[in-house]
PDB file of N, CA and C in Angstrom:
ATOM      1  N   UNK A   1      29.088 -10.846 107.592  1.00  0.00           N
ATOM      2  CA  UNK A   1      30.378 -11.146 107.220  1.00  0.00           C
ATOM      3  C   UNK A   1      30.963 -12.686 107.464  1.00  0.00           C
ATOM      4  N   UNK A   2      31.312 -13.701 106.700  1.00  0.00           N
ATOM      5  CA  UNK A   2      31.497 -14.522 106.254  1.00  0.00           C
ATOM      6  C   UNK A   2      32.948 -15.149 107.515  1.00  0.00           C
ATOM      7  N   UNK A   3      33.144 -16.420 107.736  1.00  0.00           N
ATOM      8  CA  UNK A   3      34.232 -16.361 108.293  1.00  0.00           C
ATOM      9  C   UNK A   3      35.302 -16.866 107.412  1.00  0.00           C
ATOM     10  N   UNK A   4      36.894 -17.060 107.227  1.00  0.00           N
ATOM     11  CA  UNK A   4      37.532 -17.150 106.481  1.00  0.00           C
ATOM     12  C   UNK A   4      37.491 -18.729 106.544  1.00  0.00           C
ATOM     13  N   UNK A   5      37.916 -19.221 105.481  1.00  0.00           N
ATOM     14  CA  UNK A   5      38.030 -20.789 105.567  1.00  0.00           C
ATOM     15  C   UNK A   5      39.208 -21.250 105.687  1.00  0.00           C
ATOM     16  N   UNK A   6      39.695 -22.088 106.562  1.00  0.00           N
ATOM     17  CA  UNK A   6      40.807 -22.642 106.674  1.00  0.00           C
ATOM     18  C   UNK A   6      41.586 -23.794 106.352  1.00  0.00           C
ATOM     19  N   UNK A   7      42.358 -24.077 105.636  1.00  0.00           N
ATOM     20  CA  UNK A   7      42.915 -24.714 104.716  1.00  0.00           C
ATOM     21  C   UNK A   7      42.571 -26.320 105.255  1.00  0.00           C
ATOM     22  N   UNK A   8      42.228 -27.349 104.242  1.00  0.00           N
ATOM     23  CA  UNK A   8      42.022 -28.809 105.143  1.00  0.00           C
ATOM     24  C   UNK A   8      42.428 -29.884 104.659  1.00  0.00           C
ATOM     25  N   UNK A   9      42.889 -30.636 104.771  1.00  0.00           N
ATOM     26  CA  UNK A   9      43.353 -32.125 104.311  1.00  0.00           C
ATOM     27  C   UNK A   9      42.422 -33.055 104.801  1.00  0.00           C
ATOM     28  N   UNK A  10      42.327 -34.527 103.687  1.00  0.00           N
ATOM     29  CA  UNK A  10      41.206 -35.291 104.058  1.00  0.00           C
ATOM     30  C   UNK A  10      41.920 -36.456 104.885  1.00  0.00           C
ATOM     31  N   UNK A  11      41.787 -36.960 106.392  1.00  0.00           N
ATOM     32  CA  UNK A  11      42.213 -37.763 106.636  1.00  0.00           C
ATOM     33  C   UNK A  11      41.222 -38.777 107.277  1.00  0.00           C
ATOM     34  N   UNK A  12      41.840 -40.140 107.457  1.00  0.00           N
ATOM     35  CA  UNK A  12      41.174 -41.132 107.814  1.00  0.00           C
ATOM     36  C   UNK A  12      42.041 -42.550 108.555  1.00  0.00           C
ATOM     37  N   UNK A  13      41.785 -43.841 108.932  1.00  0.00           N
ATOM     38  CA  UNK A  13      42.072 -44.614 109.222  1.00  0.00           C
ATOM     39  C   UNK A  13      42.167 -45.516 108.392  1.00  0.00           C
ATOM     40  N   UNK A  14      43.458 -46.174 107.919  1.00  0.00           N
ATOM     41  CA  UNK A  14      43.617 -47.013 107.361  1.00  0.00           C
ATOM     42  C   UNK A  14      42.441 -48.385 107.550  1.00  0.00           C
ATOM     43  N   UNK A  15      41.736 -48.987 107.144  1.00  0.00           N
ATOM     44  CA  UNK A  15      40.667 -50.027 107.151  1.00  0.00           C
ATOM     45  C   UNK A  15      41.401 -51.481 107.621  1.00  0.00           C
ATOM     46  N   UNK A  16      42.696 -51.649 107.098  1.00  0.00           N
ATOM     47  CA  UNK A  16      42.847 -52.752 107.659  1.00  0.00           C
ATOM     48  C   UNK A  16      43.788 -53.245 108.681  1.00  0.00           C
ATOM     49  N   UNK A  17      44.617 -52.026 109.001  1.00  0.00           N
ATOM     50  CA  UNK A  17      46.343 -51.691 109.853  1.00  0.00           C
ATOM     51  C   UNK A  17      45.811 -50.469 110.696  1.00  0.00           C
ATOM     52  N   UNK A  18      44.891 -49.937 110.449  1.00  0.00           N
ATOM     53  CA  UNK A  18      44.739 -48.725 111.470  1.00  0.00           C
ATOM     54  C   UNK A  18      45.115 -47.330 111.293  1.00  0.00           C
ATOM     55  N   UNK A  19      46.577 -47.598 110.470  1.00  0.00           N
ATOM     56  CA  UNK A  19      47.113 -46.559 110.702  1.00  0.00           C
ATOM     57  C   UNK A  19      46.475 -45.162 110.289  1.00  0.00           C
ATOM     58  N   UNK A  20      46.825 -43.844 110.658  1.00  0.00           N
ATOM     59  CA  UNK A  20      46.570 -42.750 109.824  1.00  0.00           C
ATOM     60  C   UNK A  20      46.727 -42.677 108.385  1.00  0.00           C
ATOM     61  N   UNK A  21      45.925 -42.203 107.264  1.00  0.00           N
ATOM     62  CA  UNK A  21      46.020 -42.129 106.237  1.00  0.00           C
ATOM     63  C   UNK A  21      45.318 -40.396 105.937  1.00  0.00           C
ATOM     64  N   UNK A  22      46.193 -40.127 104.841  1.00  0.00           N
ATOM     65  CA  UNK A  22      45.986 -38.731 104.322  1.00  0.00           C
ATOM     66  C   UNK A  22      45.226 -38.799 102.690  1.00  0.00           C
ATOM     67  N   UNK A  23      44.299 -38.232 102.371  1.00  0.00           N
ATOM     68  CA  UNK A  23      44.228 -38.339 100.828  1.00  0.00           C
ATOM     69  C   UNK A  23      44.932 -37.307 100.084  1.00  0.00           C
ATOM     70  N   UNK A  24      45.379 -38.054  98.865  1.00  0.00           N
ATOM     71  CA  UNK A  24      46.330 -37.248  97.649  1.00  0.00           C
ATOM     72  C   UNK A  24      45.731 -36.809  96.530  1.00  0.00           C
ATOM     73  N   UNK A  25      46.385 -35.404  96.224  1.00  0.00           N
ATOM     74  CA  UNK A  25      45.509 -34.757  94.830  1.00  0.00           C
ATOM     75  C   UNK A  25      45.466 -35.965  93.432  1.00  0.00           C
ATOM     76  N   UNK A  26      46.474 -36.838  93.889  1.00  0.00           N
ATOM     77  CA  UNK A  26      45.944 -38.384  92.839  1.00  0.00           C
ATOM     78  C   UNK A  26      45.009 -39.097  93.129  1.00  0.00           C
ATOM     79  N   UNK A  27      44.571 -38.967  94.308  1.00  0.00           N
ATOM     80  CA  UNK A  27      43.302 -39.532  94.356  1.00  0.00           C
ATOM     81  C   UNK A  27      43.643 -40.888  95.328  1.00  0.00           C
ATOM     82  N   UNK A  28      45.181 -41.337  95.810  1.00  0.00           N
ATOM     83  CA  UNK A  28      45.232 -42.370  96.667  1.00  0.00           C
ATOM     84  C   UNK A  28      45.681 -42.095  97.956  1.00  0.00           C
ATOM     85  N   UNK A  29      45.878 -42.948  98.601  1.00  0.00           N
ATOM     86  CA  UNK A  29      45.854 -42.443 100.210  1.00  0.00           C
ATOM     87  C   UNK A  29      47.099 -42.863 100.674  1.00  0.00           C
ATOM     88  N   UNK A  30      48.126 -42.000 101.682  1.00  0.00           N
ATOM     89  CA  UNK A  30      49.430 -41.688 101.955  1.00  0.00           C
ATOM     90  C   UNK A  30      49.162 -41.650 103.519  1.00  0.00           C
ATOM     91  N   UNK A  31      50.237 -42.267 104.554  1.00  0.00           N
ATOM     92  CA  UNK A  31      50.325 -42.413 105.787  1.00  0.00           C
ATOM     93  C   UNK A  31      51.101 -41.216 106.094  1.00  0.00           C
ATOM     94  N   UNK A  32      51.654 -40.437 104.754  1.00  0.00           N
ATOM     95  CA  UNK A  32      52.528 -38.948 105.318  1.00  0.00           C
ATOM     96  C   UNK A  32      51.928 -37.719 104.814  1.00  0.00           C
ATOM     97  N   UNK A  33      51.746 -36.997 106.077  1.00  0.00           N
ATOM     98  CA  UNK A  33      50.697 -35.458 106.376  1.00  0.00           C
ATOM     99  C   UNK A  33      51.177 -34.785 104.938  1.00  0.00           C
ATOM    100  N   UNK A  34      52.961 -34.405 105.155  1.00  0.00           N
ATOM    101  CA  UNK A  34      53.265 -33.455 104.094  1.00  0.00           C
ATOM    102  C   UNK A  34      52.758 -34.059 102.566  1.00  0.00           C
ATOM    103  N   UNK A  35      52.366 -35.343 102.092  1.00  0.00           N
ATOM    104  CA  UNK A  35      52.142 -35.705 100.659  1.00  0.00           C
ATOM    105  C   UNK A  35      50.505 -35.422 100.593  1.00  0.00           C
ATOM    106  N   UNK A  36      50.174 -35.009 101.532  1.00  0.00           N
ATOM    107  CA  UNK A  36      48.479 -34.920 101.157  1.00  0.00           C
ATOM    108  C   UNK A  36      48.181 -33.599 100.368  1.00  0.00           C
ATOM    109  N   UNK A  37      46.784 -33.553  99.981  1.00  0.00           N
ATOM    110  CA  UNK A  37      46.146 -32.645  99.537  1.00  0.00           C
ATOM    111  C   UNK A  37      45.946 -31.656  99.921  1.00  0.00           C
ATOM    112  N   UNK A  38      46.427 -30.547  99.880  1.00  0.00           N
ATOM    113  CA  UNK A  38      46.004 -28.863 101.076  1.00  0.00           C
ATOM    114  C   UNK A  38      44.916 -28.259 100.236  1.00  0.00           C
ATOM    115  N   UNK A  39      43.719 -28.782 100.897  1.00  0.00           N
ATOM    116  CA  UNK A  39      42.651 -27.820 100.257  1.00  0.00           C
ATOM    117  C   UNK A  39      42.313 -26.671 100.684  1.00  0.00           C
ATOM    118  N   UNK A  40      42.157 -25.758  99.790  1.00  0.00           N
ATOM    119  CA  UNK A  40      41.797 -24.275 100.328  1.00  0.00           C
ATOM    120  C   UNK A  40      40.446 -23.735 100.135  1.00  0.00           C
ATOM    121  N   UNK A  41      39.686 -24.438  99.483  1.00  0.00           N
ATOM    122  CA  UNK A  41      38.373 -23.987  99.072  1.00  0.00           C
ATOM    123  C   UNK A  41      37.271 -25.175 100.078  1.00  0.00           C
ATOM    124  N   UNK A  42      36.298 -24.487 100.358  1.00  0.00           N
ATOM    125  CA  UNK A  42      35.303 -24.714 101.214  1.00  0.00           C
ATOM    126  C   UNK A  42      34.441 -26.009 100.597  1.00  0.00           C
ATOM    127  N   UNK A  43      33.967 -25.661  98.908  1.00  0.00           N
ATOM    128  CA  UNK A  43      33.244 -26.442  98.338  1.00  0.00           C
ATOM    129  C   UNK A  43      34.210 -28.048  97.728  1.00  0.00           C
ATOM    130  N   UNK A  44      35.327 -27.507  97.445  1.00  0.00           N
ATOM    131  CA  UNK A  44      35.902 -28.772  97.105  1.00  0.00           C
ATOM    132  C   UNK A  44      36.749 -29.693  98.185  1.00  0.00           C
ATOM    133  N   UNK A  45      36.440 -28.891  99.942  1.00  0.00           N
ATOM    134  CA  UNK A  45      36.961 -29.597 100.708  1.00  0.00           C
ATOM    135  C   UNK A  45      35.740 -30.640 100.821  1.00  0.00           C
ATOM    136  N   UNK A  46      34.668 -30.453 100.595  1.00  0.00           N
ATOM    137  CA  UNK A  46      33.470 -31.221 100.969  1.00  0.00           C
ATOM    138  C   UNK A  46      33.082 -32.412  99.813  1.00  0.00           C
ATOM    139  N   UNK A  47      33.907 -31.740  98.565  1.00  0.00           N
ATOM    140  CA  UNK A  47      33.545 -32.963  97.355  1.00  0.00           C
ATOM    141  C   UNK A  47      34.612 -34.185  97.975  1.00  0.00           C
ATOM    142  N   UNK A  48      35.923 -33.084  98.342  1.00  0.00           N
ATOM    143  CA  UNK A  48      36.763 -34.420  98.600  1.00  0.00           C
ATOM    144  C   UNK A  48      36.438 -35.452  99.883  1.00  0.00           C
ATOM    145  N   UNK A  49      35.984 -34.775 100.889  1.00  0.00           N
ATOM    146  CA  UNK A  49      35.358 -35.773 102.035  1.00  0.00           C
ATOM    147  C   UNK A  49      34.814 -36.681 101.483  1.00  0.00           C
ATOM    148  N   UNK A  50      33.799 -36.348 100.417  1.00  0.00           N
ATOM    149  CA  UNK A  50      32.514 -37.204 100.269  1.00  0.00           C
ATOM    150  C   UNK A  50      33.394 -38.375  98.993  1.00  0.00           C
ATOM    151  N   UNK A  51      34.075 -37.948  98.408  1.00  0.00           N
ATOM    152  CA  UNK A  51      35.063 -38.730  97.707  1.00  0.00           C
ATOM    153  C   UNK A  51      35.900 -40.130  98.673  1.00  0.00           C
ATOM    154  N   UNK A  52      36.724 -39.504  99.456  1.00  0.00           N
ATOM    155  CA  UNK A  52      37.477 -39.997 100.484  1.00  0.00           C
ATOM    156  C   UNK A  52      36.354 -41.272 101.258  1.00  0.00           C
ATOM    157  N   UNK A  53      35.232 -40.579 102.054  1.00  0.00           N
ATOM    158  CA  UNK A  53      34.200 -41.445 102.554  1.00  0.00           C
ATOM    159  C   UNK A  53      33.758 -42.750 101.779  1.00  0.00           C
ATOM    160  N   UNK A  54      33.760 -42.248 100.660  1.00  0.00           N
ATOM    161  CA  UNK A  54      32.891 -43.692  99.757  1.00  0.00           C
ATOM    162  C   UNK A  54      33.735 -44.631  99.520  1.00  0.00           C
ATOM    163  N   UNK A  55      35.160 -44.460  99.644  1.00  0.00           N
ATOM    164  CA  UNK A  55      35.886 -45.826 100.098  1.00  0.00           C
ATOM    165  C   UNK A  55      36.228 -46.324 101.220  1.00  0.00           C
ATOM    166  N   UNK A  56      35.005 -47.063 101.433  1.00  0.00           N
ATOM    167  CA  UNK A  56      34.493 -48.009 102.916  1.00  0.00           C
ATOM    168  C   UNK A  56      35.355 -49.183 102.656  1.00  0.00           C
ATOM    169  N   UNK A  57      35.849 -49.714 101.517  1.00  0.00           N
ATOM    170  CA  UNK A  57      36.903 -51.093 101.777  1.00  0.00           C
ATOM    171  C   UNK A  57      37.899 -50.557 101.441  1.00  0.00           C
ATOM    172  N   UNK A  58      38.441 -49.285 102.136  1.00  0.00           N
ATOM    173  CA  UNK A  58      40.113 -49.272 101.977  1.00  0.00           C
ATOM    174  C   UNK A  58      40.010 -48.181 102.976  1.00  0.00           C
ATOM    175  N   UNK A  59      39.441 -47.362 104.030  1.00  0.00           N
ATOM    176  CA  UNK A  59      39.548 -46.514 104.987  1.00  0.00           C
ATOM    177  C   UNK A  59      38.273 -46.874 105.768  1.00  0.00           C
ATOM    178  N   UNK A  60      38.518 -45.778 107.230  1.00  0.00           N
ATOM    179  CA  UNK A  60      37.307 -45.796 108.077  1.00  0.00           C
ATOM    180  C   UNK A  60      37.469 -44.591 108.467  1.00  0.00           C
ATOM    181  N   UNK A  61      36.022 -43.556 108.901  1.00  0.00           N
ATOM    182  CA  UNK A  61      36.367 -42.515 109.792  1.00  0.00           C
ATOM    183  C   UNK A  61      37.074 -41.214 109.278  1.00  0.00           C
ATOM    184  N   UNK A  62      36.678 -40.875 107.654  1.00  0.00           N
ATOM    185  CA  UNK A  62      37.364 -40.047 107.110  1.00  0.00           C
ATOM    186  C   UNK A  62      36.510 -38.850 107.924  1.00  0.00           C
ATOM    187  N   UNK A  63      37.377 -37.613 107.814  1.00  0.00           N
ATOM    188  CA  UNK A  63      37.217 -36.203 108.437  1.00  0.00           C
ATOM    189  C   UNK A  63      37.589 -35.202 107.754  1.00  0.00           C
ATOM    190  N   UNK A  64      37.682 -33.841 107.892  1.00  0.00           N
ATOM    191  CA  UNK A  64      38.308 -32.481 107.228  1.00  0.00           C
ATOM    192  C   UNK A  64      39.308 -32.157 108.608  1.00  0.00           C
ATOM    193  N   UNK A  65      40.786 -32.362 108.744  1.00  0.00           N
ATOM    194  CA  UNK A  65      41.270 -31.906 109.506  1.00  0.00           C
ATOM    195  C   UNK A  65      42.129 -30.315 108.834  1.00  0.00           C
ATOM    196  N   UNK A  66      42.103 -29.309 110.047  1.00  0.00           N
ATOM    197  CA  UNK A  66      42.968 -27.982 109.696  1.00  0.00           C
ATOM    198  C   UNK A  66      44.238 -28.112 109.301  1.00  0.00           C
ATOM    199  N   UNK A  67      44.848 -27.504 108.554  1.00  0.00           N
ATOM    200  CA  UNK A  67      46.043 -27.625 108.022  1.00  0.00           C
ATOM    201  C   UNK A  67      46.513 -26.450 107.701  1.00  0.00           C
ATOM    202  N   UNK A  68      47.938 -26.412 107.261  1.00  0.00           N
ATOM    203  CA  UNK A  68      48.154 -25.077 106.513  1.00  0.00           C
ATOM    204  C   UNK A  68      49.438 -25.502 105.442  1.00  0.00           C
ATOM    205  N   UNK A  69      50.092 -24.603 104.626  1.00  0.00           N
ATOM    206  CA  UNK A  69      50.851 -24.799 103.823  1.00  0.00           C
ATOM    207  C   UNK A  69      52.149 -24.803 104.396  1.00  0.00           C
ATOM    208  N   UNK A  70      53.289 -25.489 104.502  1.00  0.00           N
ATOM    209  CA  UNK A  70      54.195 -25.469 104.803  1.00  0.00           C
ATOM    210  C   UNK A  70      55.477 -25.675 103.810  1.00  0.00           C
ATOM    211  N   UNK A  71      56.804 -25.966 104.193  1.00  0.00           N
ATOM    212  CA  UNK A  71      57.793 -25.749 103.093  1.00  0.00           C
ATOM    213  C   UNK A  71      57.610 -27.105 102.453  1.00  0.00           C
ATOM    214  N   UNK A  72      57.482 -28.207 102.747  1.00  0.00           N
ATOM    215  CA  UNK A  72      57.429 -29.480 102.379  1.00  0.00           C
ATOM    216  C   UNK A  72      56.181 -30.125 102.235  1.00  0.00           C
ATOM    217  N   UNK A  73      54.992 -29.170 102.213  1.00  0.00           N
ATOM    218  CA  UNK A  73      53.631 -29.684 101.900  1.00  0.00           C
ATOM    219  C   UNK A  73      53.209 -29.355 103.204  1.00  0.00           C
ATOM    220  N   UNK A  74      51.981 -29.712 103.163  1.00  0.00           N
ATOM    221  CA  UNK A  74      50.741 -29.516 104.466  1.00  0.00           C
ATOM    222  C   UNK A  74      51.528 -30.064 105.688  1.00  0.00           C
ATOM    223  N   UNK A  75      51.194 -28.718 106.789  1.00  0.00           N
ATOM    224  CA  UNK A  75      51.492 -29.109 107.715  1.00  0.00           C
ATOM    225  C   UNK A  75      49.997 -29.373 108.964  1.00  0.00           C
ATOM    226  N   UNK A  76      50.146 -29.662 110.125  1.00  0.00           N
ATOM    227  CA  UNK A  76      48.991 -29.811 110.893  1.00  0.00           C
ATOM    228  C   UNK A  76      49.047 -28.451 111.617  1.00  0.00           C
ATOM    229  N   UNK A  77      48.232 -28.317 112.163  1.00  0.00           N
ATOM    230  CA  UNK A  77      47.713 -27.244 112.851  1.00  0.00           C
ATOM    231  C   UNK A  77      47.190 -27.009 114.152  1.00  0.00           C
ATOM    232  N   UNK A  78      46.769 -28.200 114.514  1.00  0.00           N
ATOM    233  CA  UNK A  78      46.336 -28.575 116.323  1.00  0.00           C
ATOM    234  C   UNK A  78      47.241 -29.651 116.741  1.00  0.00           C
ATOM    235  N   UNK A  79      47.122 -29.699 118.200  1.00  0.00           N
ATOM    236  CA  UNK A  79      47.799 -30.695 118.273  1.00  0.00           C
ATOM    237  C   UNK A  79      47.391 -32.227 118.121  1.00  0.00           C
ATOM    238  N   UNK A  80      46.054 -32.631 117.842  1.00  0.00           N
ATOM    239  CA  UNK A  80      45.585 -33.837 117.765  1.00  0.00           C
ATOM    240  C   UNK A  80      46.390 -34.425 116.506  1.00  0.00           C
ATOM    241  N   UNK A  81      46.119 -33.145 115.413  1.00  0.00           N
ATOM    242  CA  UNK A  81      46.836 -33.645 114.086  1.00  0.00           C
ATOM    243  C   UNK A  81      47.985 -34.123 113.862  1.00  0.00           C
ATOM    244  N   UNK A  82      49.210 -33.054 114.865  1.00  0.00           N
ATOM    245  CA  UNK A  82      50.092 -33.334 115.068  1.00  0.00           C
ATOM    246  C   UNK A  82      50.409 -34.667 115.611  1.00  0.00           C
ATOM    247  N   UNK A  83      49.782 -35.245 116.713  1.00  0.00           N
ATOM    248  CA  UNK A  83      50.256 -36.398 117.603  1.00  0.00           C
ATOM    249  C   UNK A  83      50.006 -37.547 116.364  1.00  0.00           C
ATOM    250  N   UNK A  84      48.446 -37.301 115.632  1.00  0.00           N
ATOM    251  CA  UNK A  84      48.233 -38.514 115.211  1.00  0.00           C
ATOM    252  C   UNK A  84      49.402 -38.458 113.804  1.00  0.00           C
ATOM    253  N   UNK A  85      50.057 -37.579 113.202  1.00  0.00           N
ATOM    254  CA  UNK A  85      50.788 -37.900 112.436  1.00  0.00           C
ATOM    255  C   UNK A  85      52.222 -38.638 113.053  1.00  0.00           C
ATOM    256  N   UNK A  86      52.574 -39.057 114.036  1.00  0.00           N
ATOM    257  CA  UNK A  86      53.427 -39.979 114.468  1.00  0.00           C
ATOM    258  C   UNK A  86      53.352 -41.364 114.701  1.00  0.00           C
ATOM    259  N   UNK A  87      52.034 -41.540 114.858  1.00  0.00           N
ATOM    260  CA  UNK A  87      51.460 -42.886 114.806  1.00  0.00           C
ATOM    261  C   UNK A  87      51.501 -43.200 116.234  1.00  0.00           C
ATOM    262  N   UNK A  88      51.448 -44.534 116.624  1.00  0.00           N
ATOM    263  CA  UNK A  88      51.186 -45.127 117.868  1.00  0.00           C
ATOM    264  C   UNK A  88      52.106 -44.590 119.009  1.00  0.00           C
ATOM    265  N   UNK A  89      51.837 -44.398 120.111  1.00  0.00           N
ATOM    266  CA  UNK A  89      52.950 -43.900 121.014  1.00  0.00           C
ATOM    267  C   UNK A  89      53.380 -44.633 121.747  1.00  0.00           C
ATOM    268  N   UNK A  90      53.209 -45.868 121.872  1.00  0.00           N
ATOM    269  CA  UNK A  90      53.652 -46.785 122.888  1.00  0.00           C
ATOM    270  C   UNK A  90      55.030 -47.361 122.499  1.00  0.00           C
ATOM    271  N   UNK A  91      55.719 -47.431 121.690  1.00  0.00           N
ATOM    272  CA  UNK A  91      56.516 -47.681 121.307  1.00  0.00           C
ATOM    273  C   UNK A  91      56.916 -47.685 119.682  1.00  0.00           C
ATOM    274  N   UNK A  92      58.536 -47.520 119.132  1.00  0.00           N
ATOM    275  CA  UNK A  92      58.663 -47.131 117.580  1.00  0.00           C
ATOM    276  C   UNK A  92      58.080 -48.564 116.976  1.00  0.00           C
ATOM    277  N   UNK A  93      57.273 -48.311 115.947  1.00  0.00           N
ATOM    278  CA  UNK A  93      57.043 -49.188 115.265  1.00  0.00           C
ATOM    279  C   UNK A  93      56.046 -48.788 113.910  1.00  0.00           C
ATOM    280  N   UNK A  94      56.170 -49.517 113.014  1.00  0.00           N
ATOM    281  CA  UNK A  94      55.167 -48.928 111.657  1.00  0.00           C
ATOM    282  C   UNK A  94      55.465 -47.708 110.901  1.00  0.00           C
ATOM    283  N   UNK A  95      54.883 -46.611 111.056  1.00  0.00           N
ATOM    284  CA  UNK A  95      55.069 -45.258 110.598  1.00  0.00           C
ATOM    285  C   UNK A  95      56.093 -44.735 111.357  1.00  0.00           C
ATOM    286  N   UNK A  96      56.646 -45.127 112.853  1.00  0.00           N
ATOM    287  CA  UNK A  96      57.797 -44.294 113.443  1.00  0.00           C
ATOM    288  C   UNK A  96      58.925 -44.886 113.360  1.00  0.00           C
ATOM    289  N   UNK A  97      58.740 -46.053 112.936  1.00  0.00           N
ATOM    290  CA  UNK A  97      60.251 -46.697 112.185  1.00  0.00           C
ATOM    291  C   UNK A  97      60.638 -45.800 110.913  1.00  0.00           C
ATOM    292  N   UNK A  98      59.751 -45.543 110.117  1.00  0.00           N
ATOM    293  CA  UNK A  98      59.818 -44.959 108.843  1.00  0.00           C
ATOM    294  C   UNK A  98      60.114 -43.556 109.120  1.00  0.00           C
ATOM    295  N   UNK A  99      59.187 -42.756 109.810  1.00  0.00           N
ATOM    296  CA  UNK A  99      59.860 -41.540 110.263  1.00  0.00           C
ATOM    297  C   UNK A  99      61.394 -41.477 110.897  1.00  0.00           C
ATOM    298  N   UNK A 100      61.465 -42.435 111.380  1.00  0.00           N
ATOM    299  CA  UNK A 100      62.981 -42.314 112.230  1.00  0.00           C
ATOM    300  C   UNK A 100      64.145 -42.594 111.650  1.00  0.00           C
ATOM    301  N   UNK A 101      63.765 -42.201 110.350  1.00  0.00           N
ATOM    302  CA  UNK A 101      65.063 -42.260 109.523  1.00  0.00           C
ATOM    303  C   UNK A 101      65.161 -40.516 108.904  1.00  0.00           C
ATOM    304  N   UNK A 102      63.893 -39.920 109.448  1.00  0.00           N
ATOM    305  CA  UNK A 102      64.358 -38.722 108.900  1.00  0.00           C
ATOM    306  C   UNK A 102      64.138 -37.385 110.302  1.00  0.00           C
ATOM    307  N   UNK A 103      63.711 -38.171 111.388  1.00  0.00           N
ATOM    308  CA  UNK A 103      63.535 -37.348 112.801  1.00  0.00           C
ATOM    309  C   UNK A 103      64.056 -38.218 113.886  1.00  0.00           C
ATOM    310  N   UNK A 104      64.549 -37.721 114.499  1.00  0.00           N
ATOM    311  CA  UNK A 104      65.062 -38.200 115.913  1.00  0.00           C
ATOM    312  C   UNK A 104      63.437 -38.557 116.571  1.00  0.00           C
ATOM    313  N   UNK A 105      63.059 -39.334 117.168  1.00  0.00           N
ATOM    314  CA  UNK A 105      61.957 -39.947 117.158  1.00  0.00           C
ATOM    315  C   UNK A 105      62.232 -39.565 119.108  1.00  0.00           C
ATOM    316  N   UNK A 106      63.390 -39.499 119.740  1.00  0.00           N
ATOM    317  CA  UNK A 106      63.657 -39.618 120.953  1.00  0.00           C
ATOM    318  C   UNK A 106      63.502 -37.892 121.290  1.00  0.00           C
ATOM    319  N   UNK A 107      64.011 -37.259 120.361  1.00  0.00           N
ATOM    320  CA  UNK A 107      64.197 -35.806 120.528  1.00  0.00           C
ATOM    321  C   UNK A 107      62.603 -35.182 121.038  1.00  0.00           C
ATOM    322  N   UNK A 108      62.537 -34.529 121.861  1.00  0.00           N
ATOM    323  CA  UNK A 108      61.751 -33.565 122.858  1.00  0.00           C
ATOM    324  C   UNK A 108      60.616 -32.839 121.523  1.00  0.00           C
ATOM    325  N   UNK A 109      59.533 -33.048 121.443  1.00  0.00           N
ATOM    326  CA  UNK A 109      59.178 -32.109 120.491  1.00  0.00           C
ATOM    327  C   UNK A 109      57.646 -31.296 121.264  1.00  0.00           C
ATOM    328  N   UNK A 110      57.072 -30.022 120.809  1.00  0.00           N
ATOM    329  CA  UNK A 110      56.941 -29.024 121.702  1.00  0.00           C
ATOM    330  C   UNK A 110      55.563 -29.275 120.472  1.00  0.00           C
ATOM    331  N   UNK A 111      54.628 -29.867 120.815  1.00  0.00           N
ATOM    332  CA  UNK A 111      53.575 -30.224 119.988  1.00  0.00           C
ATOM    333  C   UNK A 111      52.539 -28.972 120.008  1.00  0.00           C
ATOM    334  N   UNK A 112      52.677 -28.245 120.961  1.00  0.00           N
ATOM    335  CA  UNK A 112      51.990 -26.962 121.330  1.00  0.00           C
ATOM    336  C   UNK A 112      52.133 -26.192 120.045  1.00  0.00           C
ATOM    337  N   UNK A 113      53.522 -25.919 119.435  1.00  0.00           N
ATOM    338  CA  UNK A 113      53.563 -24.923 118.503  1.00  0.00           C
ATOM    339  C   UNK A 113      54.067 -25.710 117.190  1.00  0.00           C
ATOM    340  N   UNK A 114      53.062 -26.639 116.713  1.00  0.00           N
ATOM    341  CA  UNK A 114      52.813 -27.448 115.880  1.00  0.00           C
ATOM    342  C   UNK A 114      52.085 -26.660 114.661  1.00  0.00           C
TER     343      UNK A 114
END
């Protein structure tokens, strides 16, 4: 019996700025996890990973991360990926400032239930 495939997103780091980025269905990179392409087929996931990893002039360290469908798009499954969606944790800048418009960054978040 084969194992069930867990949906994935392709993630990496922006080569110039270091931000976490996600591959979208239209072959661009976004800094917002919920805009990523949710891949539900294992073969397609491998093809998308190869496509993303080949963009060495744009990103570095591409890999497949487990995700699940959410009401606004893909959501991270594991703590590490939930943490990566929030950007650097030392102070609010970059992605945290942009996300601050949508969420209260001072609010305690239970990352174990993401």
